Amino acid sequence: MGIEKGILDYSFLGENADSLITLISALSGAIVGGLFTLLVGNRQAKIAEKNKEKELLEIQRSVLKGIRGEMSILLELYDKRMKKHVEAIVPGEMLLVTFPIGDDNFTFYEENAKEIAKLSDDSRDSIIEIYTYARSLIQSYKGNNKLISEYEHIFLLMAEKTENEIYQKLYEAKRASLIDCAQGIKLIDSEVREVKDKGFKVIDQEVSRIESLIK
């Protein structure tokens, strides 16, 4: 009798006892299984979300490094060709050195415009500022190149017609324009270097921040 009291008695359930026991067991198993599946699903979702965040951070880091690399290479090339000439510009003088410039100067920047827009405010604004000033410098050189060509053409015409007053006036006008352009180039050149140094600091700080989050 003592042993029998220790055994659960389901006789009160009647003829459907076995079925009910089976149903309860199945429900219990389903609940436990469901909870386990839910926990596993939540864990997988968190892992997937973390991996996605890491992927986005890695893309941002690549974009920042790419921007820095592109601008560094362009300025290095520019310095090799023009730095000594720009430094030699003094008030009242022209820059009679042609600097050949193509149209596709900022390939990486233009191809990653959408990703740049997703960067932090400071990083995005610094990058836009760098490229805005760099474009301004390029336009100044294009203008100076055109003026040099016109200036040389007028100079040759003057050599043939030394007493022609019209050519003399054109010559003086082009000379004045070249002087103004040279001063503008020297000013913008210094502005580009200033915003570049400031922008690179912001980029380096952001890259360091992102790398600390990726680890």
N, C-alpha and C. Protein backbone atom coordinates (compact mmCIF):
# COMPACT_ATOMS: atom_id res chain seq x y z
N MET A 1 0.83 -1.20 0.00
CA MET A 1 0.00 0.00 0.00
C MET A 1 0.86 1.24 0.00
N GLY A 2 1.96 1.22 0.72
CA GLY A 2 2.84 2.41 0.77
C GLY A 2 3.38 2.73 -0.58
N ILE A 3 3.76 1.66 -1.31
CA ILE A 3 4.30 1.88 -2.66
C ILE A 3 3.23 2.42 -3.57
N GLU A 4 2.04 1.89 -3.44
CA GLU A 4 0.93 2.31 -4.30
C GLU A 4 0.61 3.77 -4.08
N LYS A 5 0.74 4.27 -2.85
CA LYS A 5 0.44 5.68 -2.58
C LYS A 5 1.46 6.58 -3.24
N GLY A 6 2.62 6.02 -3.50
CA GLY A 6 3.66 6.85 -4.14
C GLY A 6 3.49 6.93 -5.64
N ILE A 7 2.60 6.21 -6.19
CA ILE A 7 2.35 6.21 -7.64
C ILE A 7 1.12 7.05 -7.92
N LEU A 8 1.24 7.97 -8.96
CA LEU A 8 0.10 8.82 -9.30
C LEU A 8 -1.06 7.99 -9.77
N ASP A 9 -2.21 8.31 -9.26
CA ASP A 9 -3.42 7.56 -9.62
C ASP A 9 -4.25 8.40 -10.56
N TYR A 10 -4.33 7.97 -11.84
CA TYR A 10 -5.11 8.71 -12.84
C TYR A 10 -6.45 8.03 -13.11
N SER A 11 -6.85 7.12 -12.13
CA SER A 11 -8.10 6.35 -12.37
C SER A 11 -9.31 7.26 -12.39
N PHE A 12 -9.17 8.44 -11.73
CA PHE A 12 -10.33 9.35 -11.68
C PHE A 12 -10.64 9.94 -13.05
N LEU A 13 -9.68 9.82 -13.98
CA LEU A 13 -9.90 10.37 -15.32
C LEU A 13 -10.77 9.46 -16.17
N GLY A 14 -10.94 8.24 -15.70
CA GLY A 14 -11.81 7.32 -16.40
C GLY A 14 -11.12 6.67 -17.58
N GLU A 15 -11.93 6.31 -18.57
CA GLU A 15 -11.43 5.56 -19.72
C GLU A 15 -10.48 6.39 -20.59
N ASN A 16 -10.56 7.72 -20.52
CA ASN A 16 -9.74 8.59 -21.39
C ASN A 16 -8.42 9.00 -20.73
N ALA A 17 -8.08 8.31 -19.66
CA ALA A 17 -6.88 8.69 -18.91
C ALA A 17 -5.64 8.64 -19.78
N ASP A 18 -5.46 7.54 -20.53
CA ASP A 18 -4.23 7.41 -21.34
C ASP A 18 -4.15 8.49 -22.41
N SER A 19 -5.31 8.79 -23.00
CA SER A 19 -5.32 9.81 -24.06
C SER A 19 -4.98 11.19 -23.50
N LEU A 20 -5.55 11.47 -22.34
CA LEU A 20 -5.29 12.77 -21.73
C LEU A 20 -3.83 12.92 -21.30
N ILE A 21 -3.31 11.82 -20.77
CA ILE A 21 -1.90 11.84 -20.36
C ILE A 21 -1.00 12.08 -21.57
N THR A 22 -1.34 11.39 -22.66
CA THR A 22 -0.55 11.57 -23.90
C THR A 22 -0.65 13.00 -24.40
N LEU A 23 -1.86 13.56 -24.34
CA LEU A 23 -2.08 14.94 -24.80
C LEU A 23 -1.30 15.93 -23.95
N ILE A 24 -1.35 15.74 -22.62
CA ILE A 24 -0.63 16.63 -21.71
C ILE A 24 0.87 16.56 -21.97
N SER A 25 1.36 15.33 -22.16
CA SER A 25 2.79 15.16 -22.43
C SER A 25 3.19 15.85 -23.72
N ALA A 26 2.31 15.70 -24.74
CA ALA A 26 2.59 16.32 -26.03
C ALA A 26 2.60 17.84 -25.92
N LEU A 27 1.61 18.37 -25.18
CA LEU A 27 1.55 19.82 -24.99
C LEU A 27 2.77 20.34 -24.23
N SER A 28 3.15 19.58 -23.19
CA SER A 28 4.33 19.98 -22.41
C SER A 28 5.57 19.98 -23.30
N GLY A 29 5.69 18.94 -24.12
CA GLY A 29 6.83 18.86 -25.02
C GLY A 29 6.82 19.99 -26.04
N ALA A 30 5.62 20.31 -26.52
CA ALA A 30 5.50 21.38 -27.51
C ALA A 30 5.88 22.72 -26.90
N ILE A 31 5.43 22.94 -25.66
CA ILE A 31 5.74 24.20 -24.98
C ILE A 31 7.24 24.34 -24.75
N VAL A 32 7.83 23.26 -24.24
CA VAL A 32 9.28 23.27 -23.99
C VAL A 32 10.04 23.45 -25.30
N GLY A 33 9.61 22.72 -26.32
CA GLY A 33 10.25 22.82 -27.63
C GLY A 33 10.09 24.21 -28.23
N GLY A 34 8.89 24.76 -28.04
CA GLY A 34 8.63 26.11 -28.56
C GLY A 34 9.51 27.15 -27.89
N LEU A 35 9.62 27.02 -26.56
CA LEU A 35 10.47 27.96 -25.82
C LEU A 35 11.93 27.85 -26.26
N PHE A 36 12.37 26.61 -26.47
CA PHE A 36 13.75 26.40 -26.92
C PHE A 36 13.97 27.00 -28.31
N THR A 37 12.99 26.76 -29.18
CA THR A 37 13.09 27.31 -30.55
C THR A 37 13.11 28.83 -30.51
N LEU A 38 12.28 29.40 -29.62
CA LEU A 38 12.22 30.85 -29.50
C LEU A 38 13.54 31.42 -29.01
N LEU A 39 14.11 30.75 -28.01
CA LEU A 39 15.40 31.20 -27.47
C LEU A 39 16.49 31.11 -28.52
N VAL A 40 16.51 29.99 -29.25
CA VAL A 40 17.50 29.82 -30.31
C VAL A 40 17.30 30.86 -31.41
N GLY A 41 16.02 31.08 -31.75
CA GLY A 41 15.70 32.07 -32.79
C GLY A 41 16.15 33.47 -32.40
N ASN A 42 15.89 33.83 -31.13
CA ASN A 42 16.30 35.15 -30.65
C ASN A 42 17.81 35.29 -30.67
N ARG A 43 18.48 34.23 -30.27
CA ARG A 43 19.94 34.26 -30.25
C ARG A 43 20.48 34.41 -31.68
N GLN A 44 19.92 33.68 -32.61
CA GLN A 44 20.36 33.77 -34.00
C GLN A 44 20.07 35.14 -34.59
N ALA A 45 18.90 35.71 -34.19
CA ALA A 45 18.55 37.05 -34.67
C ALA A 45 19.54 38.09 -34.15
N LYS A 46 19.94 37.95 -32.89
CA LYS A 46 20.91 38.88 -32.30
C LYS A 46 22.27 38.75 -32.98
N ILE A 47 22.65 37.50 -33.26
CA ILE A 47 23.92 37.27 -33.96
C ILE A 47 23.89 37.87 -35.35
N ALA A 48 22.76 37.66 -36.05
CA ALA A 48 22.61 38.20 -37.41
C ALA A 48 22.65 39.73 -37.39
N GLU A 49 21.98 40.31 -36.39
CA GLU A 49 21.97 41.77 -36.26
C GLU A 49 23.36 42.31 -35.96
N LYS A 50 24.07 41.60 -35.09
CA LYS A 50 25.43 42.02 -34.74
C LYS A 50 26.35 41.92 -35.95
N ASN A 51 26.19 40.84 -36.72
CA ASN A 51 27.01 40.67 -37.93
C ASN A 51 26.70 41.75 -38.96
N LYS A 52 25.44 42.13 -39.06
CA LYS A 52 25.04 43.18 -39.99
C LYS A 52 25.64 44.51 -39.58
N GLU A 53 25.58 44.81 -38.28
CA GLU A 53 26.17 46.05 -37.77
C GLU A 53 27.69 46.07 -38.02
N LYS A 54 28.32 44.92 -37.82
CA LYS A 54 29.76 44.83 -38.06
C LYS A 54 30.08 45.03 -39.53
N GLU A 55 29.26 44.46 -40.39
CA GLU A 55 29.46 44.62 -41.83
C GLU A 55 29.33 46.08 -42.25
N LEU A 56 28.34 46.77 -41.70
CA LEU A 56 28.14 48.19 -42.01
C LEU A 56 29.33 49.02 -41.52
N LEU A 57 29.82 48.70 -40.34
CA LEU A 57 30.97 49.41 -39.80
C LEU A 57 32.21 49.18 -40.66
N GLU A 58 32.36 47.96 -41.14
CA GLU A 58 33.52 47.65 -41.99
C GLU A 58 33.44 48.40 -43.32
N ILE A 59 32.22 48.55 -43.84
CA ILE A 59 32.03 49.31 -45.08
C ILE A 59 32.40 50.77 -44.84
N GLN A 60 31.93 51.32 -43.72
CA GLN A 60 32.24 52.71 -43.39
C GLN A 60 33.74 52.93 -43.23
N ARG A 61 34.38 51.98 -42.58
CA ARG A 61 35.83 52.08 -42.41
C ARG A 61 36.54 52.06 -43.76
N SER A 62 36.09 51.18 -44.64
CA SER A 62 36.70 51.09 -45.97
C SER A 62 36.50 52.38 -46.77
N VAL A 63 35.31 52.96 -46.64
CA VAL A 63 35.02 54.21 -47.36
C VAL A 63 35.91 55.34 -46.83
N LEU A 64 36.03 55.43 -45.53
CA LEU A 64 36.86 56.48 -44.92
C LEU A 64 38.32 56.34 -45.34
N LYS A 65 38.83 55.11 -45.31
CA LYS A 65 40.21 54.88 -45.72
C LYS A 65 40.40 55.14 -47.21
N GLY A 66 39.38 54.80 -47.99
CA GLY A 66 39.45 55.03 -49.43
C GLY A 66 39.48 56.51 -49.77
N ILE A 67 38.65 57.28 -49.07
CA ILE A 67 38.63 58.73 -49.27
C ILE A 67 39.98 59.34 -48.92
N ARG A 68 40.50 58.92 -47.78
CA ARG A 68 41.80 59.44 -47.34
C ARG A 68 42.90 59.08 -48.33
N GLY A 69 42.83 57.83 -48.82
CA GLY A 69 43.83 57.38 -49.77
C GLY A 69 43.77 58.12 -51.09
N GLU A 70 42.56 58.30 -51.61
CA GLU A 70 42.41 59.01 -52.88
C GLU A 70 42.92 60.44 -52.79
N MET A 71 42.52 61.15 -51.75
CA MET A 71 42.93 62.54 -51.62
C MET A 71 44.43 62.65 -51.35
N SER A 72 44.99 61.72 -50.61
CA SER A 72 46.44 61.74 -50.34
C SER A 72 47.23 61.56 -51.63
N ILE A 73 46.81 60.63 -52.45
CA ILE A 73 47.50 60.37 -53.72
C ILE A 73 47.39 61.56 -54.66
N LEU A 74 46.19 62.14 -54.75
CA LEU A 74 45.98 63.29 -55.63
C LEU A 74 46.83 64.49 -55.20
N LEU A 75 46.86 64.75 -53.91
CA LEU A 75 47.65 65.89 -53.42
C LEU A 75 49.14 65.64 -53.55
N GLU A 76 49.55 64.40 -53.40
CA GLU A 76 50.96 64.06 -53.56
C GLU A 76 51.40 64.31 -55.01
N LEU A 77 50.56 63.87 -55.95
CA LEU A 77 50.85 64.10 -57.37
C LEU A 77 50.84 65.59 -57.69
N TYR A 78 49.87 66.29 -57.15
CA TYR A 78 49.76 67.74 -57.35
C TYR A 78 51.00 68.46 -56.82
N ASP A 79 51.45 68.08 -55.64
CA ASP A 79 52.62 68.72 -55.04
C ASP A 79 53.88 68.50 -55.88
N LYS A 80 54.02 67.30 -56.43
CA LYS A 80 55.20 67.01 -57.25
C LYS A 80 55.27 67.92 -58.47
N ARG A 81 54.12 68.28 -58.99
CA ARG A 81 54.09 69.07 -60.23
C ARG A 81 53.98 70.58 -59.99
N MET A 82 53.30 70.96 -58.92
CA MET A 82 52.96 72.38 -58.81
C MET A 82 53.39 73.08 -57.52
N LYS A 83 53.75 72.35 -56.48
CA LYS A 83 54.00 72.99 -55.18
C LYS A 83 55.05 74.09 -55.27
N LYS A 84 56.19 73.81 -55.92
CA LYS A 84 57.26 74.80 -55.99
C LYS A 84 56.83 76.03 -56.78
N HIS A 85 55.99 75.83 -57.80
CA HIS A 85 55.52 76.95 -58.61
C HIS A 85 54.54 77.82 -57.82
N VAL A 86 53.67 77.18 -57.05
CA VAL A 86 52.69 77.93 -56.25
C VAL A 86 53.40 78.70 -55.14
N GLU A 87 54.36 78.06 -54.51
CA GLU A 87 55.10 78.74 -53.43
C GLU A 87 55.87 79.95 -53.95
N ALA A 88 56.23 79.92 -55.25
CA ALA A 88 57.01 81.02 -55.83
C ALA A 88 56.14 82.20 -56.27
N ILE A 89 54.81 82.05 -56.21
CA ILE A 89 53.92 83.14 -56.62
C ILE A 89 54.03 84.30 -55.64
N VAL A 90 54.26 85.49 -56.17
CA VAL A 90 54.30 86.71 -55.35
C VAL A 90 53.30 87.70 -55.92
N PRO A 91 52.87 88.67 -55.13
CA PRO A 91 51.92 89.68 -55.63
C PRO A 91 52.41 90.35 -56.91
N GLY A 92 51.51 90.46 -57.88
CA GLY A 92 51.85 91.12 -59.14
C GLY A 92 52.44 90.22 -60.20
N GLU A 93 52.56 88.92 -59.90
CA GLU A 93 53.12 88.00 -60.89
C GLU A 93 52.10 86.97 -61.33
N MET A 94 52.34 86.43 -62.54
CA MET A 94 51.46 85.42 -63.10
C MET A 94 52.01 84.02 -62.81
N LEU A 95 51.14 83.03 -63.01
CA LEU A 95 51.57 81.63 -62.93
C LEU A 95 51.50 81.07 -64.35
N LEU A 96 52.61 81.16 -65.06
CA LEU A 96 52.64 80.75 -66.47
C LEU A 96 53.08 79.30 -66.61
N VAL A 97 52.47 78.44 -65.80
CA VAL A 97 52.74 77.00 -65.84
C VAL A 97 51.41 76.29 -66.02
N THR A 98 51.29 75.56 -67.09
CA THR A 98 50.05 74.83 -67.35
C THR A 98 50.01 73.55 -66.51
N PHE A 99 48.90 73.35 -65.83
CA PHE A 99 48.71 72.15 -65.02
C PHE A 99 47.59 71.33 -65.67
N PRO A 100 47.94 70.27 -66.41
CA PRO A 100 46.92 69.47 -67.10
C PRO A 100 45.99 68.76 -66.13
N ILE A 101 44.70 68.91 -66.35
CA ILE A 101 43.70 68.34 -65.45
C ILE A 101 42.61 67.65 -66.27
N GLY A 102 42.30 66.41 -65.89
CA GLY A 102 41.21 65.69 -66.55
C GLY A 102 39.88 66.00 -65.89
N ASP A 103 38.85 65.25 -66.30
CA ASP A 103 37.52 65.48 -65.75
C ASP A 103 37.19 64.51 -64.61
N ASP A 104 37.74 63.30 -64.67
CA ASP A 104 37.43 62.29 -63.65
C ASP A 104 38.54 62.27 -62.61
N ASN A 105 38.50 63.24 -61.72
CA ASN A 105 39.57 63.37 -60.73
C ASN A 105 39.25 62.68 -59.41
N PHE A 106 37.97 62.52 -59.10
CA PHE A 106 37.58 61.98 -57.79
C PHE A 106 36.73 60.73 -57.96
N THR A 107 37.30 59.71 -58.55
CA THR A 107 36.56 58.49 -58.88
C THR A 107 35.98 57.80 -57.65
N PHE A 108 36.80 57.58 -56.62
CA PHE A 108 36.34 56.87 -55.43
C PHE A 108 35.24 57.66 -54.73
N TYR A 109 35.43 58.95 -54.60
CA TYR A 109 34.45 59.81 -53.94
C TYR A 109 33.09 59.73 -54.65
N GLU A 110 33.11 59.83 -55.96
CA GLU A 110 31.86 59.84 -56.72
C GLU A 110 31.17 58.48 -56.72
N GLU A 111 31.96 57.41 -56.74
CA GLU A 111 31.37 56.07 -56.76
C GLU A 111 30.82 55.65 -55.40
N ASN A 112 31.22 56.32 -54.35
CA ASN A 112 30.78 55.96 -53.00
C ASN A 112 29.96 57.06 -52.33
N ALA A 113 29.33 57.89 -53.14
CA ALA A 113 28.55 59.01 -52.61
C ALA A 113 27.45 58.54 -51.65
N LYS A 114 26.78 57.43 -51.97
CA LYS A 114 25.71 56.93 -51.11
C LYS A 114 26.23 56.47 -49.76
N GLU A 115 27.39 55.81 -49.77
CA GLU A 115 27.97 55.35 -48.51
C GLU A 115 28.50 56.52 -47.68
N ILE A 116 29.02 57.53 -48.35
CA ILE A 116 29.51 58.72 -47.65
C ILE A 116 28.37 59.41 -46.91
N ALA A 117 27.19 59.41 -47.54
CA ALA A 117 26.02 60.05 -46.93
C ALA A 117 25.59 59.35 -45.64
N LYS A 118 26.00 58.09 -45.44
CA LYS A 118 25.61 57.33 -44.25
C LYS A 118 26.60 57.49 -43.10
N LEU A 119 27.71 58.19 -43.34
CA LEU A 119 28.72 58.36 -42.31
C LEU A 119 28.24 59.32 -41.23
N SER A 120 29.00 59.41 -40.16
CA SER A 120 28.67 60.36 -39.09
C SER A 120 28.70 61.78 -39.65
N ASP A 121 28.00 62.68 -39.00
CA ASP A 121 27.89 64.06 -39.50
C ASP A 121 29.26 64.71 -39.68
N ASP A 122 30.13 64.57 -38.68
CA ASP A 122 31.45 65.20 -38.74
C ASP A 122 32.28 64.65 -39.89
N SER A 123 32.25 63.33 -40.05
CA SER A 123 33.03 62.70 -41.13
C SER A 123 32.50 63.12 -42.49
N ARG A 124 31.20 63.03 -42.65
CA ARG A 124 30.58 63.40 -43.94
C ARG A 124 30.87 64.85 -44.30
N ASP A 125 30.66 65.74 -43.35
CA ASP A 125 30.87 67.17 -43.62
C ASP A 125 32.33 67.48 -43.93
N SER A 126 33.25 66.82 -43.23
CA SER A 126 34.67 67.05 -43.47
C SER A 126 35.08 66.59 -44.87
N ILE A 127 34.55 65.44 -45.28
CA ILE A 127 34.87 64.91 -46.61
C ILE A 127 34.32 65.83 -47.69
N ILE A 128 33.08 66.26 -47.53
CA ILE A 128 32.48 67.16 -48.52
C ILE A 128 33.27 68.46 -48.60
N GLU A 129 33.71 68.97 -47.46
CA GLU A 129 34.49 70.21 -47.44
C GLU A 129 35.81 70.05 -48.20
N ILE A 130 36.49 68.94 -47.97
CA ILE A 130 37.77 68.68 -48.65
C ILE A 130 37.58 68.69 -50.16
N TYR A 131 36.59 67.95 -50.63
CA TYR A 131 36.38 67.82 -52.07
C TYR A 131 35.84 69.11 -52.69
N THR A 132 35.07 69.86 -51.93
CA THR A 132 34.56 71.14 -52.43
C THR A 132 35.70 72.11 -52.70
N TYR A 133 36.62 72.20 -51.75
CA TYR A 133 37.77 73.09 -51.93
C TYR A 133 38.69 72.57 -53.03
N ALA A 134 38.85 71.25 -53.10
CA ALA A 134 39.70 70.68 -54.15
C ALA A 134 39.12 70.96 -55.53
N ARG A 135 37.81 70.87 -55.66
CA ARG A 135 37.17 71.19 -56.95
C ARG A 135 37.35 72.66 -57.30
N SER A 136 37.28 73.51 -56.30
CA SER A 136 37.50 74.95 -56.53
C SER A 136 38.91 75.20 -57.05
N LEU A 137 39.89 74.48 -56.50
CA LEU A 137 41.27 74.62 -56.96
C LEU A 137 41.41 74.13 -58.40
N ILE A 138 40.75 73.04 -58.71
CA ILE A 138 40.81 72.50 -60.08
C ILE A 138 40.22 73.49 -61.08
N GLN A 139 39.08 74.09 -60.72
CA GLN A 139 38.47 75.07 -61.61
C GLN A 139 39.38 76.28 -61.81
N SER A 140 40.10 76.67 -60.77
CA SER A 140 41.03 77.80 -60.88
C SER A 140 42.16 77.47 -61.85
N TYR A 141 42.66 76.23 -61.78
CA TYR A 141 43.72 75.83 -62.70
C TYR A 141 43.21 75.73 -64.14
N LYS A 142 42.01 75.24 -64.30
CA LYS A 142 41.44 75.18 -65.65
C LYS A 142 41.32 76.58 -66.25
N GLY A 143 40.89 77.52 -65.40
CA GLY A 143 40.79 78.90 -65.85
C GLY A 143 42.15 79.48 -66.18
N ASN A 144 43.15 79.17 -65.35
CA ASN A 144 44.50 79.66 -65.59
C ASN A 144 45.10 79.05 -66.86
N ASN A 145 44.84 77.77 -67.09
CA ASN A 145 45.32 77.12 -68.31
C ASN A 145 44.77 77.80 -69.56
N LYS A 146 43.49 78.13 -69.51
CA LYS A 146 42.83 78.78 -70.65
C LYS A 146 43.41 80.18 -70.86
N LEU A 147 43.63 80.90 -69.78
CA LEU A 147 44.21 82.24 -69.89
C LEU A 147 45.63 82.21 -70.44
N ILE A 148 46.41 81.22 -70.05
CA ILE A 148 47.77 81.07 -70.56
C ILE A 148 47.76 80.87 -72.07
N SER A 149 46.86 80.00 -72.52
CA SER A 149 46.75 79.75 -73.97
C SER A 149 46.39 81.02 -74.72
N GLU A 150 45.43 81.77 -74.21
CA GLU A 150 45.01 83.02 -74.86
C GLU A 150 46.11 84.07 -74.79
N TYR A 151 46.77 84.12 -73.68
CA TYR A 151 47.87 85.08 -73.47
C TYR A 151 49.00 84.83 -74.47
N GLU A 152 49.37 83.57 -74.65
CA GLU A 152 50.44 83.22 -75.58
C GLU A 152 50.03 83.52 -77.02
N HIS A 153 48.78 83.27 -77.33
CA HIS A 153 48.27 83.55 -78.68
C HIS A 153 48.35 85.05 -78.98
N ILE A 154 47.91 85.86 -78.04
CA ILE A 154 47.96 87.32 -78.22
C ILE A 154 49.41 87.80 -78.30
N PHE A 155 50.27 87.20 -77.51
CA PHE A 155 51.69 87.58 -77.53
C PHE A 155 52.30 87.34 -78.90
N LEU A 156 51.94 86.23 -79.53
CA LEU A 156 52.45 85.92 -80.87
C LEU A 156 51.90 86.91 -81.90
N LEU A 157 50.63 87.28 -81.75
CA LEU A 157 50.03 88.25 -82.68
C LEU A 157 50.71 89.62 -82.52
N MET A 158 51.02 89.96 -81.29
CA MET A 158 51.69 91.24 -81.04
C MET A 158 53.08 91.28 -81.66
N ALA A 159 53.74 90.14 -81.71
CA ALA A 159 55.07 90.08 -82.29
C ALA A 159 55.03 90.40 -83.79
N GLU A 160 53.87 90.09 -84.41
CA GLU A 160 53.71 90.36 -85.83
C GLU A 160 53.21 91.78 -86.07
N LYS A 161 52.41 92.27 -85.11
CA LYS A 161 51.83 93.61 -85.28
C LYS A 161 52.09 94.43 -84.02
N THR A 162 53.31 94.83 -83.85
CA THR A 162 53.74 95.49 -82.62
C THR A 162 53.04 96.81 -82.36
N GLU A 163 52.53 97.47 -83.41
CA GLU A 163 51.93 98.78 -83.23
C GLU A 163 50.41 98.73 -83.14
N ASN A 164 49.86 97.54 -83.10
CA ASN A 164 48.40 97.40 -83.05
C ASN A 164 47.92 97.61 -81.61
N GLU A 165 47.17 98.69 -81.40
CA GLU A 165 46.73 99.07 -80.06
C GLU A 165 45.74 98.07 -79.46
N ILE A 166 44.93 97.47 -80.31
CA ILE A 166 43.92 96.52 -79.83
C ILE A 166 44.59 95.31 -79.18
N TYR A 167 45.62 94.77 -79.85
CA TYR A 167 46.33 93.62 -79.31
C TYR A 167 47.06 93.97 -78.01
N GLN A 168 47.54 95.20 -77.96
CA GLN A 168 48.23 95.66 -76.76
C GLN A 168 47.28 95.68 -75.56
N LYS A 169 46.06 96.17 -75.81
CA LYS A 169 45.06 96.21 -74.74
C LYS A 169 44.64 94.81 -74.33
N LEU A 170 44.48 93.94 -75.31
CA LEU A 170 44.13 92.55 -75.01
C LEU A 170 45.23 91.88 -74.20
N TYR A 171 46.44 92.17 -74.58
CA TYR A 171 47.59 91.60 -73.88
C TYR A 171 47.61 92.04 -72.41
N GLU A 172 47.38 93.31 -72.17
CA GLU A 172 47.38 93.84 -70.80
C GLU A 172 46.22 93.26 -69.99
N ALA A 173 45.07 93.10 -70.68
CA ALA A 173 43.90 92.55 -69.99
C ALA A 173 44.14 91.09 -69.57
N LYS A 174 44.72 90.31 -70.48
CA LYS A 174 45.02 88.92 -70.15
C LYS A 174 46.06 88.82 -69.05
N ARG A 175 47.03 89.71 -69.10
CA ARG A 175 48.07 89.72 -68.07
C ARG A 175 47.45 90.01 -66.70
N ALA A 176 46.56 90.97 -66.65
CA ALA A 176 45.89 91.31 -65.38
C ALA A 176 45.06 90.13 -64.87
N SER A 177 44.37 89.44 -65.81
CA SER A 177 43.56 88.28 -65.42
C SER A 177 44.43 87.15 -64.89
N LEU A 178 45.59 86.95 -65.51
CA LEU A 178 46.50 85.91 -65.06
C LEU A 178 47.07 86.22 -63.68
N ILE A 179 47.34 87.48 -63.43
CA ILE A 179 47.84 87.88 -62.10
C ILE A 179 46.79 87.60 -61.04
N ASP A 180 45.55 87.98 -61.32
CA ASP A 180 44.46 87.73 -60.37
C ASP A 180 44.27 86.23 -60.14
N CYS A 181 44.33 85.46 -61.23
CA CYS A 181 44.13 84.01 -61.14
C CYS A 181 45.24 83.36 -60.32
N ALA A 182 46.46 83.83 -60.50
CA ALA A 182 47.60 83.28 -59.76
C ALA A 182 47.43 83.51 -58.26
N GLN A 183 46.99 84.72 -57.89
CA GLN A 183 46.76 85.01 -56.47
C GLN A 183 45.64 84.14 -55.91
N GLY A 184 44.61 83.93 -56.74
CA GLY A 184 43.51 83.07 -56.31
C GLY A 184 43.96 81.63 -56.11
N ILE A 185 44.79 81.14 -57.01
CA ILE A 185 45.30 79.77 -56.90
C ILE A 185 46.12 79.61 -55.62
N LYS A 186 46.95 80.57 -55.32
CA LYS A 186 47.77 80.48 -54.11
C LYS A 186 46.90 80.48 -52.86
N LEU A 187 45.86 81.27 -52.85
CA LEU A 187 44.95 81.33 -51.70
C LEU A 187 44.19 80.02 -51.54
N ILE A 188 43.62 79.53 -52.64
CA ILE A 188 42.82 78.30 -52.57
C ILE A 188 43.71 77.10 -52.24
N ASP A 189 44.94 77.12 -52.75
CA ASP A 189 45.90 76.06 -52.45
C ASP A 189 46.10 75.94 -50.92
N SER A 190 46.27 77.06 -50.26
CA SER A 190 46.47 77.04 -48.80
C SER A 190 45.19 76.60 -48.09
N GLU A 191 44.03 76.99 -48.63
CA GLU A 191 42.75 76.58 -48.03
C GLU A 191 42.54 75.08 -48.15
N VAL A 192 42.90 74.52 -49.30
CA VAL A 192 42.77 73.07 -49.50
C VAL A 192 43.61 72.31 -48.48
N ARG A 193 44.83 72.77 -48.26
CA ARG A 193 45.72 72.10 -47.33
C ARG A 193 45.18 72.20 -45.89
N GLU A 194 44.58 73.32 -45.58
CA GLU A 194 44.03 73.52 -44.24
C GLU A 194 42.85 72.59 -43.98
N VAL A 195 41.89 72.55 -44.93
CA VAL A 195 40.72 71.69 -44.74
C VAL A 195 41.10 70.21 -44.84
N LYS A 196 42.14 69.91 -45.63
CA LYS A 196 42.62 68.53 -45.73
C LYS A 196 43.17 68.05 -44.40
N ASP A 197 44.02 68.85 -43.77
CA ASP A 197 44.61 68.48 -42.48
C ASP A 197 43.52 68.32 -41.42
N LYS A 198 42.59 69.25 -41.41
CA LYS A 198 41.50 69.19 -40.43
C LYS A 198 40.59 67.98 -40.70
N GLY A 199 40.28 67.75 -41.96
CA GLY A 199 39.43 66.64 -42.32
C GLY A 199 40.06 65.28 -42.07
N PHE A 200 41.35 65.17 -42.33
CA PHE A 200 42.05 63.90 -42.10
C PHE A 200 42.05 63.54 -40.61
N LYS A 201 42.13 64.54 -39.76
CA LYS A 201 42.08 64.28 -38.32
C LYS A 201 40.72 63.68 -37.94
N VAL A 202 39.66 64.25 -38.50
CA VAL A 202 38.31 63.74 -38.23
C VAL A 202 38.17 62.31 -38.76
N ILE A 203 38.68 62.07 -39.96
CA ILE A 203 38.60 60.74 -40.57
C ILE A 203 39.37 59.72 -39.73
N ASP A 204 40.57 60.09 -39.30
CA ASP A 204 41.39 59.16 -38.49
C ASP A 204 40.71 58.84 -37.17
N GLN A 205 40.10 59.82 -36.56
CA GLN A 205 39.40 59.60 -35.29
C GLN A 205 38.21 58.67 -35.49
N GLU A 206 37.48 58.86 -36.59
CA GLU A 206 36.32 58.03 -36.87
C GLU A 206 36.73 56.60 -37.19
N VAL A 207 37.82 56.43 -37.92
CA VAL A 207 38.32 55.09 -38.23
C VAL A 207 38.71 54.37 -36.93
N SER A 208 39.37 55.07 -36.03
CA SER A 208 39.76 54.49 -34.73
C SER A 208 38.53 54.09 -33.92
N ARG A 209 37.51 54.93 -33.95
CA ARG A 209 36.27 54.64 -33.21
C ARG A 209 35.59 53.40 -33.77
N ILE A 210 35.52 53.31 -35.10
CA ILE A 210 34.88 52.17 -35.75
C ILE A 210 35.65 50.88 -35.47
N GLU A 211 36.98 50.95 -35.53
CA GLU A 211 37.78 49.75 -35.27
C GLU A 211 37.63 49.26 -33.84
N SER A 212 37.41 50.19 -32.91
CA SER A 212 37.19 49.77 -31.52
C SER A 212 35.85 49.05 -31.35
N LEU A 213 34.88 49.41 -32.19
CA LEU A 213 33.56 48.76 -32.14
C LEU A 213 33.58 47.39 -32.84
N ILE A 214 34.43 47.26 -33.85
CA ILE A 214 34.50 46.00 -34.59
C ILE A 214 35.17 44.90 -33.77
N LYS A 215 36.14 45.28 -32.94
CA LYS A 215 36.87 44.28 -32.15
C LYS A 215 35.95 43.53 -31.20
